[in-house]
């Protein structure tokens, strides 16, 4: 199973209706493409993991990279896993602006780190662990 994890910055902060529209369309498209994953959003910053067949994931990532709604896309991690990490989610989603993050076990300041920070290059698997942590603790 191939995956890509990336971060990006929205051109302008998304409104709640804009986020829900993106989520709805992503879930429909991802289900057709047999892609699963998760998207976390906070203050205009996005972290997303996409997983599925390698060619399909790479094609979708290239399309996302051309999307004019965001900029400064940074691919943090890519690789393969034995099994899907988000098998039930055509697109798991959490708007971190509306969550008491400190109440989640293993809370991380990861999304408060500037996207240009060297923090990403020090431990690229940190983003993957954060996404899995949210998956385990979302209700």
Protein backbone atom coordinates (compact mmCIF):
# COMPACT_ATOMS: atom_id res chain seq x y z
CA UNK A 1 0.00 0.00 0.00
CA UNK A 2 1.52 3.33 -1.11
CA UNK A 3 1.05 6.56 0.84
CA UNK A 4 1.97 10.25 0.65
CA UNK A 5 1.76 12.68 3.57
CA UNK A 6 1.95 16.39 2.82
CA UNK A 7 1.28 19.78 4.37
CA UNK A 8 0.12 22.97 2.69
CA UNK A 9 -1.18 26.44 3.49
CA UNK A 10 -4.54 27.69 2.24
CA UNK A 11 -4.47 30.91 0.22
CA UNK A 12 -7.05 32.15 2.76
CA UNK A 13 -8.49 30.37 5.81
CA UNK A 14 -11.35 28.09 4.75
CA UNK A 15 -14.81 28.73 6.14
CA UNK A 16 -16.70 25.83 7.69
CA UNK A 17 -18.91 25.47 4.54
CA UNK A 18 -15.80 25.46 2.30
CA UNK A 19 -14.22 22.73 4.43
CA UNK A 20 -17.38 20.63 4.31
CA UNK A 21 -17.57 21.05 0.52
CA UNK A 22 -13.94 19.89 0.15
CA UNK A 23 -14.61 16.95 2.45
CA UNK A 24 -17.76 15.86 0.60
CA UNK A 25 -16.10 16.00 -2.81
CA UNK A 26 -12.93 14.29 -1.54
CA UNK A 27 -14.88 11.41 -0.03
CA UNK A 28 -16.80 10.79 -3.25
CA UNK A 29 -13.71 11.00 -5.47
CA UNK A 30 -11.52 8.97 -3.13
CA UNK A 31 -14.11 6.18 -2.86
CA UNK A 32 -14.16 5.93 -6.69
CA UNK A 33 -10.34 5.78 -6.76
CA UNK A 34 -10.06 3.35 -3.82
CA UNK A 35 -8.03 5.95 -1.89
CA UNK A 36 -8.24 6.28 1.88
CA UNK A 37 -6.68 8.79 4.24
CA UNK A 38 -7.14 11.66 6.63
CA UNK A 39 -7.07 15.45 6.50
CA UNK A 40 -6.39 17.69 9.49
CA UNK A 41 -7.00 21.43 9.21
CA UNK A 42 -6.00 24.26 11.53
CA UNK A 43 -5.69 28.01 10.93
CA UNK A 44 -5.29 27.63 7.18
CA UNK A 45 -2.77 24.78 7.49
CA UNK A 46 -3.50 21.32 6.14
CA UNK A 47 -1.86 17.98 6.76
CA UNK A 48 -3.14 15.08 4.72
CA UNK A 49 -2.30 11.44 4.14
CA UNK A 50 -3.44 9.66 0.99
CA UNK A 51 -3.07 5.90 0.58
CA UNK A 52 -3.89 3.47 -2.19
CA UNK A 53 -2.41 2.14 -5.41
CA UNK A 54 0.82 4.05 -6.11
CA UNK A 55 -0.01 5.43 -9.56
CA UNK A 56 -3.44 6.61 -8.40
CA UNK A 57 -2.06 8.28 -5.26
CA UNK A 58 0.72 10.00 -7.19
CA UNK A 59 -1.77 11.26 -9.81
CA UNK A 60 -4.11 12.61 -7.13
CA UNK A 61 -1.22 14.27 -5.27
CA UNK A 62 -0.11 15.98 -8.51
CA UNK A 63 -3.66 17.25 -9.00
CA UNK A 64 -3.78 18.53 -5.40
CA UNK A 65 -0.42 20.26 -5.88
CA UNK A 66 -1.94 22.25 -8.77
CA UNK A 67 -5.05 23.26 -6.76
CA UNK A 68 -5.06 27.10 -6.56
CA UNK A 69 -6.74 27.09 -3.13
CA UNK A 70 -3.44 26.35 -1.40
CA UNK A 71 0.27 27.02 -1.64
CA UNK A 72 3.59 25.97 -0.13
CA UNK A 73 2.92 22.26 -0.50
CA UNK A 74 5.59 20.21 1.22
CA UNK A 75 5.71 16.43 0.76
CA UNK A 76 6.75 15.17 4.17
CA UNK A 77 6.77 11.43 3.71
CA UNK A 78 5.99 8.79 1.14
CA UNK A 79 6.40 5.08 1.12
CA UNK A 80 4.68 1.76 1.44
CA UNK A 81 3.01 -0.12 4.27
CA UNK A 82 1.83 -3.70 4.54
CA UNK A 83 -1.80 -2.64 5.04
CA UNK A 84 -3.87 0.52 4.89
CA UNK A 85 -3.55 2.70 7.97
CA UNK A 86 -6.97 4.33 7.34
CA UNK A 87 -8.93 1.46 5.75
CA UNK A 88 -12.42 2.62 6.70
CA UNK A 89 -11.99 6.26 5.71
CA UNK A 90 -12.40 7.51 2.17
CA UNK A 91 -11.31 10.74 3.86
CA UNK A 92 -11.14 11.08 7.62
CA UNK A 93 -11.32 14.72 8.60
CA UNK A 94 -10.93 16.92 11.64
CA UNK A 95 -11.08 20.70 11.83
CA UNK A 96 -8.64 21.34 14.66
CA UNK A 97 -9.94 24.87 15.11
CA UNK A 98 -13.05 23.41 16.74
CA UNK A 99 -11.45 20.78 18.99
CA UNK A 100 -9.98 21.03 22.48
CA UNK A 101 -6.67 19.54 21.38
CA UNK A 102 -5.17 19.37 24.84
CA UNK A 103 -7.82 16.85 25.87
CA UNK A 104 -6.63 14.31 23.29
CA UNK A 105 -4.17 11.74 24.71
CA UNK A 106 -0.72 12.33 23.22
CA UNK A 107 -1.54 15.94 22.28
CA UNK A 108 1.07 17.40 19.96
CA UNK A 109 1.93 20.97 18.97
CA UNK A 110 2.75 19.64 15.50
CA UNK A 111 0.25 21.81 13.61
CA UNK A 112 1.35 24.90 15.49
CA UNK A 113 4.80 24.46 13.96
CA UNK A 114 5.33 26.83 11.00
CA UNK A 115 5.21 24.91 7.74
CA UNK A 116 8.63 26.26 6.78
CA UNK A 117 10.22 24.95 9.96
CA UNK A 118 13.17 22.58 9.94
CA UNK A 119 11.10 20.56 12.44
CA UNK A 120 9.71 18.51 9.57
CA UNK A 121 13.09 17.38 8.32
CA UNK A 122 14.27 16.31 11.78
CA UNK A 123 11.65 13.56 12.14
CA UNK A 124 9.50 12.97 9.03
CA UNK A 125 7.58 10.11 10.67
CA UNK A 126 6.25 12.51 13.32
CA UNK A 127 3.47 13.61 10.96
CA UNK A 128 2.46 9.99 10.39
CA UNK A 129 2.31 9.32 14.13
CA UNK A 130 0.17 12.44 14.63
CA UNK A 131 -2.35 11.33 11.98
CA UNK A 132 -2.59 7.87 13.52
CA UNK A 133 -3.03 9.39 16.98
CA UNK A 134 -6.01 11.41 15.76
CA UNK A 135 -7.45 8.34 14.05
CA UNK A 136 -7.28 6.38 17.30
CA UNK A 137 -8.88 9.14 19.37
CA UNK A 138 -11.57 10.47 17.05
CA UNK A 139 -15.11 9.57 17.97
